[in-house]
């Protein structure tokens, strides 16, 4: 019926357990250990970012949960932001390799910011919500990463992939895309190979389609990754998902 309340006569039949959201120090205690262990293999300049990254991520989640526009509603029922989102962000950051991140702090922070956009912002349904989310990121990054210009962290394109490096080398590294033309050519080549092996998909890989393929490939590349693709019929959800799965060598 669209009601978020449970009738008292029904509720009395069940045992009700109330749990509280973890405090900042609890979140910091959990994820500082996880991220700190991973970054211990990086340069000292990067490993120093551990506490800042964890604190900023926690503050971003708190800010999101306190903004009315990001609360769940009938048409935004999937606006559910929780501690699991922080876990998903660090799952992506942990895919980085010390050998590939020797260029200072900004390169790693861009990976972290990319994961924040993918986990928090990709579910948003309006341009105004996306703008509000970017303001949340911008404000908290300016608060926690003093001395690092925000424009360097937010520089475009902000796309991370592991399949592009696998095509150029024998190893799979989670790295930023430097040239959109190279990415587009690679996706077109993979699409042609897919069409040779399976039923042909007549796709036009414009910029939004390229971004969507990278987003889906990132999710399915993660352990137990899953996504809800929302869009009108015929918008290409199934075709892009098939291409992303083919790129990751998944059935």
C-alpha atoms as a PDB file:
ATOM      1  CA  UNK A   1       0.000   0.000   0.000  1.00  0.00           C
ATOM      2  CA  UNK A   2       3.064   2.242   0.034  1.00  0.00           C
ATOM      3  CA  UNK A   3       3.007   2.562   3.835  1.00  0.00           C
ATOM      4  CA  UNK A   4       6.296   2.331   5.715  1.00  0.00           C
ATOM      5  CA  UNK A   5       4.503   1.652   9.026  1.00  0.00           C
ATOM      6  CA  UNK A   6       3.687  -1.816  10.381  1.00  0.00           C
ATOM      7  CA  UNK A   7       0.346  -2.304  12.049  1.00  0.00           C
ATOM      8  CA  UNK A   8       0.748  -2.797  15.796  1.00  0.00           C
ATOM      9  CA  UNK A   9      -1.514  -5.857  15.827  1.00  0.00           C
ATOM     10  CA  UNK A  10       0.779  -7.522  13.300  1.00  0.00           C
ATOM     11  CA  UNK A  11       4.008  -6.324  14.884  1.00  0.00           C
ATOM     12  CA  UNK A  12       3.143  -7.849  18.260  1.00  0.00           C
ATOM     13  CA  UNK A  13       3.501 -11.287  16.669  1.00  0.00           C
ATOM     14  CA  UNK A  14       7.220 -10.755  16.110  1.00  0.00           C
ATOM     15  CA  UNK A  15      10.314 -10.054  18.177  1.00  0.00           C
ATOM     16  CA  UNK A  16      11.608  -6.577  17.330  1.00  0.00           C
ATOM     17  CA  UNK A  17      15.348  -5.947  17.508  1.00  0.00           C
ATOM     18  CA  UNK A  18      16.673  -2.406  17.214  1.00  0.00           C
ATOM     19  CA  UNK A  19      20.228  -1.855  15.963  1.00  0.00           C
ATOM     20  CA  UNK A  20      22.004   1.467  15.788  1.00  0.00           C
ATOM     21  CA  UNK A  21      24.276   2.719  13.060  1.00  0.00           C
ATOM     22  CA  UNK A  22      27.974   2.371  13.956  1.00  0.00           C
ATOM     23  CA  UNK A  23      29.734   5.472  15.193  1.00  0.00           C
ATOM     24  CA  UNK A  24      32.621   7.123  13.378  1.00  0.00           C
ATOM     25  CA  UNK A  25      35.239   5.577  15.655  1.00  0.00           C
ATOM     26  CA  UNK A  26      33.827   2.093  14.992  1.00  0.00           C
ATOM     27  CA  UNK A  27      33.917   2.641  11.221  1.00  0.00           C
ATOM     28  CA  UNK A  28      37.436   4.018  11.455  1.00  0.00           C
ATOM     29  CA  UNK A  29      38.582   1.066  13.557  1.00  0.00           C
ATOM     30  CA  UNK A  30      37.321  -1.426  10.968  1.00  0.00           C
ATOM     31  CA  UNK A  31      38.356   0.138   7.686  1.00  0.00           C
ATOM     32  CA  UNK A  32      41.605   1.746   8.848  1.00  0.00           C
ATOM     33  CA  UNK A  33      42.882  -1.743   9.585  1.00  0.00           C
ATOM     34  CA  UNK A  34      41.774  -3.067   6.187  1.00  0.00           C
ATOM     35  CA  UNK A  35      43.029  -0.139   4.108  1.00  0.00           C
ATOM     36  CA  UNK A  36      46.171   0.343   6.206  1.00  0.00           C
ATOM     37  CA  UNK A  37      47.206  -3.262   5.630  1.00  0.00           C
ATOM     38  CA  UNK A  38      46.784  -2.834   1.884  1.00  0.00           C
ATOM     39  CA  UNK A  39      48.565   0.523   1.642  1.00  0.00           C
ATOM     40  CA  UNK A  40      51.492  -0.709   3.744  1.00  0.00           C
ATOM     41  CA  UNK A  41      53.014  -1.971   0.501  1.00  0.00           C
ATOM     42  CA  UNK A  42      52.802   1.469  -1.136  1.00  0.00           C
ATOM     43  CA  UNK A  43      55.104   4.442  -0.670  1.00  0.00           C
ATOM     44  CA  UNK A  44      55.035   6.199   2.682  1.00  0.00           C
ATOM     45  CA  UNK A  45      53.481   9.252   1.046  1.00  0.00           C
ATOM     46  CA  UNK A  46      50.471   7.171  -0.023  1.00  0.00           C
ATOM     47  CA  UNK A  47      50.195   5.040   3.119  1.00  0.00           C
ATOM     48  CA  UNK A  48      49.800   8.237   5.151  1.00  0.00           C
ATOM     49  CA  UNK A  49      46.446   8.775   3.444  1.00  0.00           C
ATOM     50  CA  UNK A  50      44.827   5.822   5.236  1.00  0.00           C
ATOM     51  CA  UNK A  51      43.177   7.693   8.107  1.00  0.00           C
ATOM     52  CA  UNK A  52      42.199  10.623   5.877  1.00  0.00           C
ATOM     53  CA  UNK A  53      40.516   8.402   3.297  1.00  0.00           C
ATOM     54  CA  UNK A  54      38.590   6.453   5.937  1.00  0.00           C
ATOM     55  CA  UNK A  55      37.499   9.607   7.785  1.00  0.00           C
ATOM     56  CA  UNK A  56      36.431  11.335   4.563  1.00  0.00           C
ATOM     57  CA  UNK A  57      34.448   8.302   3.402  1.00  0.00           C
ATOM     58  CA  UNK A  58      32.662   8.097   6.740  1.00  0.00           C
ATOM     59  CA  UNK A  59      31.843  11.827   6.667  1.00  0.00           C
ATOM     60  CA  UNK A  60      30.519  11.537   3.108  1.00  0.00           C
ATOM     61  CA  UNK A  61      28.148   8.763   4.160  1.00  0.00           C
ATOM     62  CA  UNK A  62      26.984  10.792   7.169  1.00  0.00           C
ATOM     63  CA  UNK A  63      26.413  13.867   4.991  1.00  0.00           C
ATOM     64  CA  UNK A  64      24.405  11.852   2.463  1.00  0.00           C
ATOM     65  CA  UNK A  65      22.208  10.331   5.157  1.00  0.00           C
ATOM     66  CA  UNK A  66      21.412  13.805   6.531  1.00  0.00           C
ATOM     67  CA  UNK A  67      20.325  15.365   3.216  1.00  0.00           C
ATOM     68  CA  UNK A  68      16.545  15.070   2.570  1.00  0.00           C
ATOM     69  CA  UNK A  69      17.033  14.675  -1.193  1.00  0.00           C
ATOM     70  CA  UNK A  70      18.865  11.384  -0.596  1.00  0.00           C
ATOM     71  CA  UNK A  71      16.253   9.808   1.646  1.00  0.00           C
ATOM     72  CA  UNK A  72      14.216   6.905   0.181  1.00  0.00           C
ATOM     73  CA  UNK A  73      10.780   7.707  -1.201  1.00  0.00           C
ATOM     74  CA  UNK A  74       8.187   6.064  -3.439  1.00  0.00           C
ATOM     75  CA  UNK A  75      10.054   7.061  -6.622  1.00  0.00           C
ATOM     76  CA  UNK A  76      13.519   6.792  -5.047  1.00  0.00           C
ATOM     77  CA  UNK A  77      13.056   3.556  -3.147  1.00  0.00           C
ATOM     78  CA  UNK A  78      16.626   2.487  -3.978  1.00  0.00           C
ATOM     79  CA  UNK A  79      18.159   5.491  -2.201  1.00  0.00           C
ATOM     80  CA  UNK A  80      19.457   3.272   0.590  1.00  0.00           C
ATOM     81  CA  UNK A  81      22.884   4.386   1.794  1.00  0.00           C
ATOM     82  CA  UNK A  82      24.550   2.311   4.492  1.00  0.00           C
ATOM     83  CA  UNK A  83      27.802   0.909   5.856  1.00  0.00           C
ATOM     84  CA  UNK A  84      27.791  -1.655   3.052  1.00  0.00           C
ATOM     85  CA  UNK A  85      28.457   1.174   0.604  1.00  0.00           C
ATOM     86  CA  UNK A  86      31.680   2.017   2.424  1.00  0.00           C
ATOM     87  CA  UNK A  87      32.679  -1.633   2.148  1.00  0.00           C
ATOM     88  CA  UNK A  88      32.020  -1.544  -1.604  1.00  0.00           C
ATOM     89  CA  UNK A  89      34.159   1.577  -1.988  1.00  0.00           C
ATOM     90  CA  UNK A  90      37.153  -0.001  -0.278  1.00  0.00           C
ATOM     91  CA  UNK A  91      36.654  -3.199  -2.257  1.00  0.00           C
ATOM     92  CA  UNK A  92      37.518  -1.159  -5.330  1.00  0.00           C
ATOM     93  CA  UNK A  93      40.439   0.658  -3.702  1.00  0.00           C
ATOM     94  CA  UNK A  94      41.936  -2.680  -2.653  1.00  0.00           C
ATOM     95  CA  UNK A  95      42.246  -3.637  -6.341  1.00  0.00           C
ATOM     96  CA  UNK A  96      45.139  -1.188  -6.729  1.00  0.00           C
ATOM     97  CA  UNK A  97      48.708  -2.422  -7.043  1.00  0.00           C
ATOM     98  CA  UNK A  98      51.766  -0.715  -5.470  1.00  0.00           C
ATOM     99  CA  UNK A  99      53.781  -1.105  -8.660  1.00  0.00           C
ATOM    100  CA  UNK A 100      51.243   0.950 -10.622  1.00  0.00           C
ATOM    101  CA  UNK A 101      50.784   3.789  -8.107  1.00  0.00           C
ATOM    102  CA  UNK A 102      54.138   5.465  -7.636  1.00  0.00           C
ATOM    103  CA  UNK A 103      53.097   8.866  -8.978  1.00  0.00           C
ATOM    104  CA  UNK A 104      52.062  10.444  -5.694  1.00  0.00           C
ATOM    105  CA  UNK A 105      48.841  10.762  -3.740  1.00  0.00           C
ATOM    106  CA  UNK A 106      46.511  12.179  -6.399  1.00  0.00           C
ATOM    107  CA  UNK A 107      46.461   9.026  -8.539  1.00  0.00           C
ATOM    108  CA  UNK A 108      45.285   6.858  -5.635  1.00  0.00           C
ATOM    109  CA  UNK A 109      42.782   9.477  -4.471  1.00  0.00           C
ATOM    110  CA  UNK A 110      41.278   9.485  -7.942  1.00  0.00           C
ATOM    111  CA  UNK A 111      40.686   5.728  -7.641  1.00  0.00           C
ATOM    112  CA  UNK A 112      38.977   6.277  -4.294  1.00  0.00           C
ATOM    113  CA  UNK A 113      36.861   9.128  -5.706  1.00  0.00           C
ATOM    114  CA  UNK A 114      35.925   6.996  -8.706  1.00  0.00           C
ATOM    115  CA  UNK A 115      34.643   4.302  -6.349  1.00  0.00           C
ATOM    116  CA  UNK A 116      32.661   6.931  -4.411  1.00  0.00           C
ATOM    117  CA  UNK A 117      30.980   8.055  -7.630  1.00  0.00           C
ATOM    118  CA  UNK A 118      30.242   4.485  -8.685  1.00  0.00           C
ATOM    119  CA  UNK A 119      28.840   3.400  -5.309  1.00  0.00           C
ATOM    120  CA  UNK A 120      26.994   6.563  -4.252  1.00  0.00           C
ATOM    121  CA  UNK A 121      26.238   8.565  -7.398  1.00  0.00           C
ATOM    122  CA  UNK A 122      25.407   5.931 -10.008  1.00  0.00           C
ATOM    123  CA  UNK A 123      22.051   5.187  -8.370  1.00  0.00           C
ATOM    124  CA  UNK A 124      20.858   8.811  -8.553  1.00  0.00           C
ATOM    125  CA  UNK A 125      17.961   9.510 -10.907  1.00  0.00           C
ATOM    126  CA  UNK A 126      18.160  13.271 -11.499  1.00  0.00           C
ATOM    127  CA  UNK A 127      20.749  15.852 -12.481  1.00  0.00           C
ATOM    128  CA  UNK A 128      19.995  17.902  -9.357  1.00  0.00           C
ATOM    129  CA  UNK A 129      20.705  14.922  -7.097  1.00  0.00           C
ATOM    130  CA  UNK A 130      23.950  14.282  -8.955  1.00  0.00           C
ATOM    131  CA  UNK A 131      24.967  17.924  -8.511  1.00  0.00           C
ATOM    132  CA  UNK A 132      24.172  17.749  -4.785  1.00  0.00           C
ATOM    133  CA  UNK A 133      26.220  14.572  -4.477  1.00  0.00           C
ATOM    134  CA  UNK A 134      29.202  16.187  -6.186  1.00  0.00           C
ATOM    135  CA  UNK A 135      28.974  19.091  -3.719  1.00  0.00           C
ATOM    136  CA  UNK A 136      29.100  16.593  -0.848  1.00  0.00           C
ATOM    137  CA  UNK A 137      32.239  15.023  -2.321  1.00  0.00           C
ATOM    138  CA  UNK A 138      33.840  18.407  -3.010  1.00  0.00           C
ATOM    139  CA  UNK A 139      33.158  19.745   0.487  1.00  0.00           C
ATOM    140  CA  UNK A 140      34.492  16.706   2.335  1.00  0.00           C
ATOM    141  CA  UNK A 141      37.549  16.302   0.106  1.00  0.00           C
ATOM    142  CA  UNK A 142      38.444  19.945   0.698  1.00  0.00           C
ATOM    143  CA  UNK A 143      38.070  19.344   4.446  1.00  0.00           C
ATOM    144  CA  UNK A 144      40.222  16.212   4.711  1.00  0.00           C
ATOM    145  CA  UNK A 145      42.815  16.557   1.933  1.00  0.00           C
ATOM    146  CA  UNK A 146      44.196  20.025   2.551  1.00  0.00           C
ATOM    147  CA  UNK A 147      46.939  20.989   0.127  1.00  0.00           C
ATOM    148  CA  UNK A 148      45.759  18.692  -2.668  1.00  0.00           C
ATOM    149  CA  UNK A 149      43.874  20.671  -5.350  1.00  0.00           C
ATOM    150  CA  UNK A 150      40.337  19.404  -5.875  1.00  0.00           C
ATOM    151  CA  UNK A 151      40.523  20.035  -9.607  1.00  0.00           C
ATOM    152  CA  UNK A 152      43.330  17.485  -9.906  1.00  0.00           C
ATOM    153  CA  UNK A 153      41.312  14.856  -8.052  1.00  0.00           C
ATOM    154  CA  UNK A 154      38.133  15.575 -10.068  1.00  0.00           C
ATOM    155  CA  UNK A 155      39.937  15.822 -13.435  1.00  0.00           C
ATOM    156  CA  UNK A 156      38.137  14.131 -16.326  1.00  0.00           C
ATOM    157  CA  UNK A 157      37.894  11.483 -17.579  1.00  0.00           C
ATOM    158  CA  UNK A 158      37.414   9.733 -14.244  1.00  0.00           C
ATOM    159  CA  UNK A 159      37.133   6.116 -15.402  1.00  0.00           C
ATOM    160  CA  UNK A 160      38.954   3.136 -13.921  1.00  0.00           C
ATOM    161  CA  UNK A 161      39.156  -0.229 -15.653  1.00  0.00           C
ATOM    162  CA  UNK A 162      41.146  -3.429 -15.383  1.00  0.00           C
ATOM    163  CA  UNK A 163      40.232  -4.908 -18.768  1.00  0.00           C
ATOM    164  CA  UNK A 164      42.070  -2.215 -20.746  1.00  0.00           C
ATOM    165  CA  UNK A 165      45.459  -3.006 -19.205  1.00  0.00           C
ATOM    166  CA  UNK A 166      44.857  -6.723 -19.717  1.00  0.00           C
ATOM    167  CA  UNK A 167      44.570  -6.055 -23.450  1.00  0.00           C
ATOM    168  CA  UNK A 168      47.897  -4.195 -23.479  1.00  0.00           C
ATOM    169  CA  UNK A 169      49.842  -6.447 -21.102  1.00  0.00           C
ATOM    170  CA  UNK A 170      49.543  -9.968 -19.752  1.00  0.00           C
ATOM    171  CA  UNK A 171      48.484  -8.695 -16.314  1.00  0.00           C
ATOM    172  CA  UNK A 172      45.264  -7.131 -15.076  1.00  0.00           C
ATOM    173  CA  UNK A 173      45.688  -3.813 -13.240  1.00  0.00           C
ATOM    174  CA  UNK A 174      43.019  -1.412 -12.019  1.00  0.00           C
ATOM    175  CA  UNK A 175      44.126   1.852 -13.624  1.00  0.00           C
ATOM    176  CA  UNK A 176      42.643   5.133 -14.855  1.00  0.00           C
ATOM    177  CA  UNK A 177      41.735   5.587 -18.502  1.00  0.00           C
ATOM    178  CA  UNK A 178      43.941   8.298 -19.976  1.00  0.00           C
ATOM    179  CA  UNK A 179      42.586   8.426 -23.526  1.00  0.00           C
ATOM    180  CA  UNK A 180      38.876   8.004 -24.319  1.00  0.00           C
ATOM    181  CA  UNK A 181      39.714   7.307 -27.972  1.00  0.00           C
ATOM    182  CA  UNK A 182      41.785   4.270 -26.965  1.00  0.00           C
ATOM    183  CA  UNK A 183      38.976   3.019 -24.733  1.00  0.00           C
ATOM    184  CA  UNK A 184      36.380   3.472 -27.468  1.00  0.00           C
ATOM    185  CA  UNK A 185      38.505   1.633 -30.026  1.00  0.00           C
ATOM    186  CA  UNK A 186      39.013  -1.271 -27.620  1.00  0.00           C
ATOM    187  CA  UNK A 187      35.272  -1.554 -26.900  1.00  0.00           C
ATOM    188  CA  UNK A 188      34.456  -1.423 -30.608  1.00  0.00           C
ATOM    189  CA  UNK A 189      36.971  -4.211 -31.272  1.00  0.00           C
ATOM    190  CA  UNK A 190      35.429  -6.329 -28.517  1.00  0.00           C
ATOM    191  CA  UNK A 191      31.957  -5.624 -29.866  1.00  0.00           C
ATOM    192  CA  UNK A 192      33.036  -6.801 -33.335  1.00  0.00           C
ATOM    193  CA  UNK A 193      34.496  -9.960 -31.813  1.00  0.00           C
ATOM    194  CA  UNK A 194      31.268 -10.570 -29.890  1.00  0.00           C
ATOM    195  CA  UNK A 195      29.244 -10.147 -33.091  1.00  0.00           C
ATOM    196  CA  UNK A 196      31.469 -12.723 -34.808  1.00  0.00           C
ATOM    197  CA  UNK A 197      30.832 -15.308 -32.085  1.00  0.00           C
ATOM    198  CA  UNK A 198      27.225 -14.616 -31.089  1.00  0.00           C
ATOM    199  CA  UNK A 199      24.074 -12.961 -32.394  1.00  0.00           C
ATOM    200  CA  UNK A 200      25.026  -9.531 -33.698  1.00  0.00           C
ATOM    201  CA  UNK A 201      24.267  -6.476 -31.560  1.00  0.00           C
ATOM    202  CA  UNK A 202      23.921  -3.233 -33.482  1.00  0.00           C
ATOM    203  CA  UNK A 203      25.301  -0.881 -30.853  1.00  0.00           C
ATOM    204  CA  UNK A 204      26.514   2.680 -31.252  1.00  0.00           C
ATOM    205  CA  UNK A 205      29.141   3.266 -28.568  1.00  0.00           C
ATOM    206  CA  UNK A 206      28.623   6.931 -27.778  1.00  0.00           C
ATOM    207  CA  UNK A 207      30.099   8.390 -24.575  1.00  0.00           C
ATOM    208  CA  UNK A 208      27.228   7.431 -22.242  1.00  0.00           C
ATOM    209  CA  UNK A 209      27.231   3.853 -23.554  1.00  0.00           C
ATOM    210  CA  UNK A 210      30.989   3.615 -23.003  1.00  0.00           C
ATOM    211  CA  UNK A 211      30.600   4.839 -19.428  1.00  0.00           C
ATOM    212  CA  UNK A 212      27.810   2.324 -18.785  1.00  0.00           C
ATOM    213  CA  UNK A 213      29.871  -0.584 -20.135  1.00  0.00           C
ATOM    214  CA  UNK A 214      32.766   0.366 -17.861  1.00  0.00           C
ATOM    215  CA  UNK A 215      30.423   0.627 -14.870  1.00  0.00           C
ATOM    216  CA  UNK A 216      28.851  -2.767 -15.504  1.00  0.00           C
ATOM    217  CA  UNK A 217      32.241  -4.386 -16.155  1.00  0.00           C
ATOM    218  CA  UNK A 218      33.534  -2.970 -12.861  1.00  0.00           C
ATOM    219  CA  UNK A 219      30.617  -4.485 -10.941  1.00  0.00           C
ATOM    220  CA  UNK A 220      30.752  -7.933 -12.504  1.00  0.00           C
ATOM    221  CA  UNK A 221      34.532  -7.991 -12.063  1.00  0.00           C
ATOM    222  CA  UNK A 222      34.076  -7.655  -8.284  1.00  0.00           C
ATOM    223  CA  UNK A 223      33.520 -10.699  -6.131  1.00  0.00           C
ATOM    224  CA  UNK A 224      29.748 -11.271  -5.726  1.00  0.00           C
ATOM    225  CA  UNK A 225      29.089  -8.124  -7.754  1.00  0.00           C
ATOM    226  CA  UNK A 226      25.500  -7.448  -8.784  1.00  0.00           C
ATOM    227  CA  UNK A 227      23.596  -4.482 -10.184  1.00  0.00           C
ATOM    228  CA  UNK A 228      20.052  -3.330 -10.894  1.00  0.00           C
ATOM    229  CA  UNK A 229      19.894  -1.739 -14.354  1.00  0.00           C
ATOM    230  CA  UNK A 230      17.080   0.793 -14.570  1.00  0.00           C
ATOM    231  CA  UNK A 231      15.840   2.221 -17.860  1.00  0.00           C
ATOM    232  CA  UNK A 232      13.052   2.211 -20.407  1.00  0.00           C
ATOM    233  CA  UNK A 233      12.642  -0.767 -22.717  1.00  0.00           C
ATOM    234  CA  UNK A 234      15.014  -0.762 -25.671  1.00  0.00           C
ATOM    235  CA  UNK A 235      17.552   1.546 -24.027  1.00  0.00           C
ATOM    236  CA  UNK A 236      20.315  -1.074 -24.336  1.00  0.00           C
ATOM    237  CA  UNK A 237      20.543  -2.427 -20.795  1.00  0.00           C
ATOM    238  CA  UNK A 238      20.740  -6.060 -21.866  1.00  0.00           C
ATOM    239  CA  UNK A 239      23.107  -5.443 -24.773  1.00  0.00           C
ATOM    240  CA  UNK A 240      25.554  -3.388 -22.710  1.00  0.00           C
ATOM    241  CA  UNK A 241      25.473  -5.984 -19.940  1.00  0.00           C
ATOM    242  CA  UNK A 242      26.262  -8.723 -22.473  1.00  0.00           C
ATOM    243  CA  UNK A 243      29.169  -6.719 -23.887  1.00  0.00           C
ATOM    244  CA  UNK A 244      30.555  -5.985 -20.411  1.00  0.00           C
ATOM    245  CA  UNK A 245      30.323  -9.655 -19.454  1.00  0.00           C
ATOM    246  CA  UNK A 246      32.019 -10.676 -22.714  1.00  0.00           C
ATOM    247  CA  UNK A 247      34.861  -8.231 -22.034  1.00  0.00           C
ATOM    248  CA  UNK A 248      35.378  -9.789 -18.590  1.00  0.00           C
ATOM    249  CA  UNK A 249      35.313 -13.282 -20.139  1.00  0.00           C
ATOM    250  CA  UNK A 250      32.134 -14.152 -18.226  1.00  0.00           C
ATOM    251  CA  UNK A 251      29.200 -16.173 -19.484  1.00  0.00           C
END
